[in-house]
Protein backbone atom coordinates (compact mmCIF):
# COMPACT_ATOMS: atom_id res chain seq x y z
CA MET A 1 -10.00 -58.18 -68.17
CA ARG A 2 -8.58 -60.18 -65.28
CA SER A 3 -5.91 -58.34 -63.31
CA LEU A 4 -2.97 -60.62 -62.60
CA ARG A 5 -0.40 -60.72 -59.83
CA ILE A 6 2.93 -61.44 -61.53
CA VAL A 7 6.43 -61.86 -60.15
CA HIS A 8 9.56 -62.08 -62.32
CA SER A 9 12.84 -63.67 -61.22
CA GLU A 10 16.29 -62.92 -62.66
CA ALA A 11 19.66 -64.10 -61.30
CA ALA A 12 21.94 -61.87 -63.41
CA THR A 13 23.56 -58.92 -61.65
CA SER A 14 24.60 -57.05 -64.83
CA PHE A 15 22.17 -55.16 -67.06
CA GLY A 16 22.03 -56.20 -70.72
CA GLY A 17 19.45 -56.97 -73.36
CA GLN A 18 17.75 -59.67 -71.30
CA GLU A 19 17.38 -57.45 -68.27
CA GLY A 20 16.23 -54.60 -70.51
CA ARG A 21 13.46 -56.82 -71.84
CA ILE A 22 12.32 -57.65 -68.29
CA PHE A 23 12.39 -53.95 -67.34
CA LYS A 24 10.26 -52.94 -70.34
CA GLU A 25 7.89 -55.88 -69.89
CA MET A 26 7.22 -55.07 -66.24
CA HIS A 27 6.46 -51.44 -67.10
CA ALA A 28 4.15 -52.44 -69.96
CA MET A 29 2.23 -54.97 -67.87
CA ARG A 30 1.85 -52.51 -64.99
CA GLU A 31 0.40 -49.97 -67.41
CA ARG A 32 -2.23 -52.55 -68.40
CA GLY A 33 -3.35 -52.78 -64.78
CA HIS A 34 -1.46 -55.84 -63.58
CA GLU A 35 0.45 -56.02 -60.28
CA VAL A 36 4.08 -56.79 -61.09
CA GLU A 37 7.01 -57.49 -58.75
CA ALA A 38 10.51 -58.94 -59.08
CA ILE A 39 12.96 -61.28 -57.34
CA CYS A 40 16.64 -60.40 -57.92
CA GLN A 41 20.03 -60.76 -56.31
CA PRO A 42 20.90 -57.96 -53.84
CA ASP A 43 23.60 -56.40 -56.06
CA ALA A 44 21.64 -56.68 -59.33
CA GLN A 45 21.44 -53.54 -61.47
CA LEU A 46 17.95 -54.61 -62.50
CA ALA A 47 16.86 -54.53 -58.85
CA THR A 48 18.13 -50.96 -58.47
CA ARG A 49 16.39 -49.75 -61.62
CA LEU A 50 13.12 -51.47 -60.81
CA ALA A 51 13.06 -50.12 -57.25
CA ALA A 52 13.70 -46.61 -58.59
CA ALA A 53 10.73 -47.08 -60.94
CA GLY A 54 8.45 -47.93 -58.02
CA PHE A 55 8.31 -51.72 -58.32
CA ALA A 56 8.40 -54.01 -55.29
CA VAL A 57 11.70 -55.93 -55.49
CA HIS A 58 12.53 -58.93 -53.31
CA THR A 59 16.25 -59.69 -53.03
CA LEU A 60 18.17 -62.79 -52.05
CA PRO A 61 21.53 -64.36 -53.02
CA MET A 62 21.27 -67.09 -55.67
CA ASP A 63 24.89 -68.28 -55.97
CA GLY A 64 26.10 -71.58 -54.50
CA VAL A 65 24.45 -74.68 -53.06
CA PRO A 66 23.63 -73.18 -49.61
CA ASN A 67 21.90 -70.24 -51.28
CA TYR A 68 20.01 -72.65 -53.52
CA ILE A 69 18.39 -74.38 -50.57
CA LYS A 70 17.77 -71.12 -48.70
CA GLY A 71 16.47 -69.52 -51.88
CA VAL A 72 13.93 -72.26 -52.59
CA LEU A 73 12.56 -72.05 -49.06
CA SER A 74 12.54 -68.24 -49.02
CA ILE A 75 10.84 -67.90 -52.41
CA ARG A 76 8.32 -70.62 -51.54
CA SER A 77 7.26 -68.53 -48.53
CA LEU A 78 7.14 -65.36 -50.64
CA LEU A 79 4.98 -67.02 -53.29
CA ARG A 80 2.57 -68.38 -50.72
CA ARG A 81 2.23 -64.99 -49.02
CA GLY A 82 1.95 -63.08 -52.27
CA ARG A 83 -0.60 -65.40 -53.86
CA TYR A 84 0.76 -64.65 -57.32
CA ASP A 85 -0.99 -65.89 -60.43
CA VAL A 86 2.20 -66.07 -62.48
CA LEU A 87 5.88 -66.63 -61.74
CA ASN A 88 8.04 -65.79 -64.78
CA THR A 89 11.69 -66.90 -64.60
CA HIS A 90 14.41 -65.84 -67.02
CA SER A 91 17.83 -67.44 -66.39
CA ARG A 92 18.75 -71.03 -65.64
CA ARG A 93 19.97 -70.22 -62.13
CA ASP A 94 16.85 -68.38 -61.00
CA THR A 95 14.67 -70.98 -62.74
CA VAL A 96 16.06 -73.91 -60.75
CA ILE A 97 15.52 -71.91 -57.54
CA ALA A 98 12.33 -69.91 -58.14
CA ALA A 99 10.50 -72.43 -60.32
CA ALA A 100 11.23 -75.20 -57.84
CA ALA A 101 9.84 -72.95 -55.12
CA GLY A 102 6.83 -72.24 -57.30
CA ARG A 103 6.10 -75.94 -57.67
CA LEU A 104 6.29 -76.37 -53.89
CA ALA A 105 4.12 -73.29 -53.30
CA GLY A 106 1.50 -74.36 -55.84
CA THR A 107 1.84 -71.21 -57.96
CA PRO A 108 -0.86 -71.48 -60.66
CA LEU A 109 1.40 -70.70 -63.64
CA ILE A 110 5.19 -70.89 -63.86
CA VAL A 111 6.68 -69.56 -67.11
CA ARG A 112 10.31 -69.58 -68.28
CA THR A 113 11.36 -66.98 -70.86
CA ARG A 114 14.13 -68.14 -73.23
CA HIS A 115 16.15 -65.14 -74.44
CA LEU A 116 19.11 -66.90 -76.08
CA ALA A 117 19.83 -68.52 -79.45
CA SER A 118 22.44 -70.96 -78.16
CA ARG A 119 21.66 -74.67 -78.09
CA VAL A 120 19.69 -75.85 -75.07
CA GLY A 121 21.39 -78.61 -73.08
CA SER A 122 19.28 -79.91 -70.22
CA LEU A 123 15.52 -79.56 -70.69
CA TRP A 124 14.81 -79.70 -66.95
CA SER A 125 14.53 -75.91 -66.66
CA TYR A 126 12.10 -75.86 -69.63
CA THR A 127 9.90 -78.88 -68.99
CA GLY A 128 10.36 -80.25 -65.48
CA LEU A 129 10.16 -76.95 -63.60
CA PRO A 130 8.08 -74.40 -65.56
CA HIS A 131 4.65 -75.16 -66.94
CA CYS A 132 5.19 -73.16 -70.14
CA VAL A 133 7.89 -71.23 -72.04
CA ILE A 134 7.97 -67.85 -73.78
CA THR A 135 10.57 -67.35 -76.52
CA VAL A 136 11.81 -64.10 -78.06
CA SER A 137 11.57 -65.42 -81.63
CA ASP A 138 10.03 -68.27 -83.59
CA HIS A 139 13.57 -69.48 -84.31
CA VAL A 140 14.10 -70.11 -80.59
CA ARG A 141 10.63 -71.63 -80.34
CA ARG A 142 11.39 -74.10 -83.15
CA HIS A 143 14.63 -75.13 -81.46
CA LEU A 144 12.83 -75.93 -78.22
CA MET A 145 10.20 -77.90 -80.12
CA GLU A 146 12.97 -79.88 -81.84
CA ARG A 147 14.43 -80.63 -78.41
CA GLY A 148 11.08 -82.03 -77.28
CA VAL A 149 9.16 -79.20 -75.62
CA PRO A 150 5.48 -79.52 -76.69
CA ALA A 151 4.40 -76.81 -79.13
CA ALA A 152 1.31 -75.95 -77.06
CA ARG A 153 3.54 -75.04 -74.15
CA ILE A 154 5.65 -72.49 -76.08
CA ALA A 155 4.67 -69.03 -77.32
CA THR A 156 6.73 -66.35 -79.07
CA VAL A 157 6.57 -62.81 -77.71
CA TYR A 158 8.90 -60.37 -79.48
CA SER A 159 11.02 -58.02 -77.40
CA PRO A 160 9.95 -54.39 -77.66
CA ILE A 161 11.89 -51.26 -78.47
CA ALA A 162 11.21 -47.82 -77.07
CA LEU A 163 10.68 -45.51 -80.02
CA PRO A 164 12.84 -42.40 -79.63
CA PRO A 165 11.63 -39.06 -80.97
CA PRO A 166 12.97 -38.13 -84.42
CA VAL A 167 16.50 -36.71 -84.36
CA GLU A 168 16.67 -33.35 -86.13
CA HIS A 169 20.46 -33.28 -86.44
CA SER A 170 22.86 -36.11 -85.70
CA THR A 171 26.24 -35.12 -84.27
CA LEU A 172 27.96 -38.14 -85.85
CA ARG A 173 29.33 -36.51 -88.99
CA ASP A 174 30.49 -33.43 -87.08
CA GLU A 175 32.35 -35.66 -84.61
CA LEU A 176 34.08 -37.60 -87.39
CA GLY A 177 34.56 -34.69 -89.78
CA LEU A 178 32.44 -36.30 -92.50
CA ALA A 179 30.60 -34.48 -95.27
CA ASP A 180 26.89 -34.84 -95.99
CA SER A 181 27.88 -36.46 -99.30
CA ASP A 182 29.83 -39.24 -97.57
CA VAL A 183 28.05 -42.59 -97.33
CA VAL A 184 28.13 -44.07 -93.83
CA VAL A 185 27.53 -47.75 -93.12
CA GLY A 186 27.01 -48.15 -89.40
CA CYS A 187 26.88 -51.03 -86.95
CA VAL A 188 25.67 -50.91 -83.34
CA ALA A 189 26.55 -54.01 -81.30
CA VAL A 190 28.52 -55.06 -78.27
CA MET A 191 31.95 -56.17 -79.45
CA ARG A 192 31.89 -59.95 -79.21
CA ALA A 193 33.34 -62.43 -81.70
CA THR A 194 29.82 -63.65 -82.56
CA LYS A 195 28.77 -60.19 -83.76
CA GLY A 196 30.88 -60.40 -86.92
CA HIS A 197 32.72 -57.06 -86.83
CA ARG A 198 35.72 -58.44 -88.72
CA GLU A 199 33.48 -60.12 -91.30
CA LEU A 200 31.77 -56.78 -91.95
CA ILE A 201 35.13 -55.05 -92.37
CA ASP A 202 36.28 -57.69 -94.86
CA ALA A 203 33.06 -57.33 -96.87
CA MET A 204 33.41 -53.54 -96.91
CA LEU A 205 37.11 -53.36 -97.88
CA PRO A 206 36.76 -53.94 -101.64
CA LEU A 207 33.98 -51.36 -101.75
CA MET A 208 35.92 -48.79 -99.76
CA ARG A 209 38.98 -49.11 -102.01
CA THR A 210 36.99 -47.83 -105.00
CA ARG A 211 34.72 -45.39 -103.16
CA PRO A 212 36.64 -42.69 -101.26
CA HIS A 213 33.40 -41.25 -99.87
CA LEU A 214 32.48 -44.52 -98.09
CA HIS A 215 32.93 -44.91 -94.31
CA LEU A 216 32.24 -47.65 -91.77
CA VAL A 217 31.29 -46.79 -88.17
CA PHE A 218 31.16 -49.19 -85.22
CA VAL A 219 29.29 -48.27 -82.05
CA GLY A 220 29.83 -50.51 -79.02
CA GLY A 221 32.51 -51.70 -76.68
CA GLY A 222 33.79 -54.93 -75.22
CA SER A 223 37.25 -56.32 -74.56
CA PRO A 224 39.19 -57.96 -76.07
CA VAL A 225 37.32 -57.68 -79.41
CA PHE A 226 37.40 -53.87 -79.36
CA GLU A 227 41.19 -53.88 -79.08
CA GLN A 228 41.52 -56.66 -81.66
CA THR A 229 39.33 -54.75 -84.11
CA GLN A 230 41.29 -51.56 -83.49
CA ALA A 231 44.54 -53.38 -84.23
CA TYR A 232 43.09 -54.94 -87.41
CA ILE A 233 41.97 -51.53 -88.68
CA ALA A 234 45.47 -50.14 -88.04
CA GLU A 235 47.02 -53.12 -89.83
CA LEU A 236 44.84 -52.33 -92.85
CA GLY A 237 45.73 -48.64 -92.66
CA MET A 238 42.02 -47.73 -92.58
CA GLN A 239 41.90 -45.60 -89.41
CA GLY A 240 40.56 -42.66 -91.40
CA ARG A 241 37.73 -44.66 -92.96
CA ILE A 242 36.71 -47.17 -90.27
CA HIS A 243 35.71 -45.46 -87.04
CA LEU A 244 35.33 -46.97 -83.57
CA MET A 245 32.98 -44.93 -81.37
CA GLY A 246 33.06 -47.21 -78.31
CA MET A 247 30.14 -47.42 -75.90
CA ARG A 248 27.62 -44.62 -76.36
CA ARG A 249 24.37 -43.70 -74.65
CA ASP A 250 23.09 -41.62 -77.59
CA VAL A 251 22.46 -44.44 -80.06
CA PRO A 252 19.40 -42.79 -81.71
CA ASN A 253 21.57 -39.73 -82.39
CA LEU A 254 24.24 -41.88 -84.03
CA LEU A 255 21.77 -43.98 -86.03
CA ALA A 256 20.41 -40.75 -87.49
CA GLY A 257 23.87 -40.10 -88.94
CA PHE A 258 24.06 -43.43 -90.78
CA ASP A 259 22.91 -44.12 -94.34
CA ILE A 260 22.83 -47.91 -93.95
CA PHE A 261 22.76 -50.24 -90.95
CA ALA A 262 24.68 -53.54 -91.21
CA LEU A 263 25.39 -56.31 -88.72
CA ALA A 264 27.04 -59.56 -89.81
CA THR A 265 26.06 -61.39 -86.63
CA ARG A 266 26.82 -65.10 -86.34
CA GLN A 267 24.26 -65.86 -83.63
CA GLU A 268 21.13 -63.98 -82.62
CA ALA A 269 18.03 -65.02 -80.70
CA SER A 270 16.09 -62.13 -82.20
CA GLY A 271 18.11 -59.03 -83.09
CA THR A 272 16.11 -56.01 -81.92
CA VAL A 273 18.93 -53.69 -82.98
CA TYR A 274 17.73 -54.23 -86.56
CA VAL A 275 14.30 -53.04 -85.44
CA GLU A 276 15.82 -49.95 -83.83
CA ALA A 277 17.69 -49.17 -87.04
CA GLN A 278 14.53 -49.54 -89.13
CA ALA A 279 12.64 -47.30 -86.71
CA SER A 280 15.25 -44.66 -87.53
CA GLY A 281 14.47 -45.00 -91.24
CA LEU A 282 17.55 -47.00 -92.20
CA PRO A 283 17.74 -49.86 -94.69
CA VAL A 284 19.34 -52.87 -93.00
CA VAL A 285 21.69 -55.65 -94.05
CA GLY A 286 21.78 -58.75 -91.87
CA THR A 287 22.88 -62.36 -91.83
CA ASP A 288 20.24 -65.08 -92.03
CA VAL A 289 20.81 -66.56 -88.57
CA GLY A 290 18.57 -67.04 -85.55
CA GLY A 291 15.60 -64.71 -85.43
CA VAL A 292 17.08 -61.98 -87.65
CA SER A 293 14.70 -62.76 -90.52
CA GLU A 294 11.78 -62.08 -88.15
CA MET A 295 13.05 -58.59 -87.35
CA MET A 296 12.96 -57.33 -90.95
CA ARG A 297 11.30 -57.97 -94.31
CA ALA A 298 13.98 -59.20 -96.67
CA GLY A 299 13.83 -57.41 -100.01
CA GLN A 300 11.55 -54.69 -98.63
CA THR A 301 13.25 -53.14 -95.62
CA GLY A 302 16.74 -54.45 -96.39
CA PHE A 303 18.74 -57.48 -97.43
CA LEU A 304 19.32 -60.81 -95.71
CA VAL A 305 22.46 -62.73 -96.70
CA PRO A 306 23.76 -66.22 -95.88
CA LEU A 307 26.22 -66.60 -93.02
CA ASP A 308 29.90 -66.61 -94.08
CA ASP A 309 29.09 -65.49 -97.63
CA ARG A 310 31.36 -62.47 -97.97
CA GLU A 311 30.50 -61.94 -101.62
CA ALA A 312 26.77 -61.84 -100.90
CA LEU A 313 27.34 -59.43 -98.01
CA SER A 314 29.46 -57.14 -100.20
CA ALA A 315 26.90 -57.29 -103.00
CA ALA A 316 24.02 -56.34 -100.68
CA LEU A 317 26.00 -53.44 -99.27
CA GLU A 318 27.07 -52.33 -102.75
CA ARG A 319 23.46 -52.13 -103.96
CA LEU A 320 22.51 -49.81 -101.13
CA ILE A 321 25.72 -47.77 -101.22
CA ASP A 322 25.36 -47.04 -104.93
CA ASP A 323 21.59 -46.45 -105.01
CA PRO A 324 20.36 -43.54 -102.84
CA GLU A 325 16.75 -44.03 -103.94
CA LEU A 326 16.83 -47.70 -102.91
CA ARG A 327 18.18 -46.63 -99.53
CA ARG A 328 15.35 -44.15 -99.12
CA SER A 329 12.59 -46.55 -100.22
CA MET A 330 13.80 -49.41 -98.00
CA GLY A 331 14.30 -46.98 -95.13
CA ARG A 332 10.72 -45.74 -95.48
CA ALA A 333 9.41 -49.30 -95.59
CA GLY A 334 11.30 -50.18 -92.42
CA ARG A 335 10.09 -47.11 -90.58
CA ASP A 336 6.51 -47.83 -91.59
CA MET A 337 6.81 -51.45 -90.43
CA VAL A 338 8.14 -50.55 -86.99
CA ARG A 339 6.42 -47.26 -86.24
CA GLY A 340 3.20 -47.80 -88.20
CA GLU A 341 2.38 -51.43 -87.44
CA GLY A 342 3.56 -51.53 -83.82
CA MET A 343 4.85 -55.11 -84.04
CA PHE A 344 7.67 -54.38 -81.61
CA SER A 345 5.99 -51.89 -79.28
CA PRO A 346 5.80 -52.31 -75.49
CA GLU A 347 2.01 -52.21 -75.85
CA ARG A 348 2.07 -55.20 -78.22
CA LEU A 349 4.42 -57.05 -75.85
CA ALA A 350 1.98 -56.54 -72.98
CA GLU A 351 -1.06 -57.56 -75.03
CA ARG A 352 0.63 -60.73 -76.27
CA THR A 353 2.04 -61.64 -72.84
CA GLU A 354 -1.33 -61.11 -71.21
CA GLU A 355 -2.94 -63.25 -73.92
CA VAL A 356 -0.64 -66.23 -73.38
CA TYR A 357 -0.71 -65.97 -69.58
CA LEU A 358 -4.53 -66.01 -69.52
CA ARG A 359 -4.74 -68.83 -72.06
CA TRP A 360 -2.33 -71.01 -70.13
CA LEU A 361 -4.05 -70.24 -66.82
CA GLN A 362 -7.39 -71.23 -68.34
CA GLU A 363 -5.94 -74.43 -69.78
CA ARG A 364 -4.61 -75.26 -66.32
CA GLY A 365 -8.02 -74.54 -64.79
CA LYS A 366 -6.70 -71.66 -62.69
């Protein structure tokens, strides 16, 4: 196997799902024997975490026109000195700086990873600057193909999840004062309008009115949607049945206290939270948007419903709420898919990434 010198660039200073993917990918590729470094802004949380993990991190400001020119020149020098085989960019801002520098430096392979499901505007940062593109789902890949990016220049590499050890006893029901006989539908997602928290509440309401043992739990924070959801729950008088946990760092512990996982998302590039829920042995209910259908097996590990179809969402939830054996069988199927097949493991991410890097390098004669 050819050992590669790889450098990733990321302009974001916060740490979310995209930065988490980069962090996991760099670890997985290092474990396969590749040399991996990063280019970040000085105040980036990703830079701090990578440095603490022993990675070489190069920092420079990327905001504003003066920093654009300085950045291109600085990264061009870095790439020439480092003699990297692959430059992998991730955001539009770092792509227009680092990929431009890569072109000037003659870096053998420049790759842009597309993490988002939103519509692509300008194609310059997908065709003019990088040589190839990695997408986090086939849904995103198809969108780029429809916009004109050649199919041979795009490959899908699913984001991985870190499998937590089994949780012997979840603290969720103790915290909320719920009985073992209560049925808990849970949702883990940052509170944004596109995540469909209100839509899930509206689909659950008719079921909750006739099932006193049924509860809905939201895990995640984010203003102003958290406050808006809190006010809506109070308006409905459902504070004792719909629970807001806020941001938590013990998600596996909370998932282990759910009976069903549901997320009525309106937009999703992939949706790895569904994978995390299935790894915990939960049946899942999701909306058929973006790459969600690629994260589960509809009819086997859970149910997929059309967007904005409240009746279909309620019906899917009702089937699982009222049928404990169906919950168990779908939960087992989901756990087997994630834990047994390894589709979303860091090892599979590294194998697939290595495969596409080497193929593209060979095609480019490098």
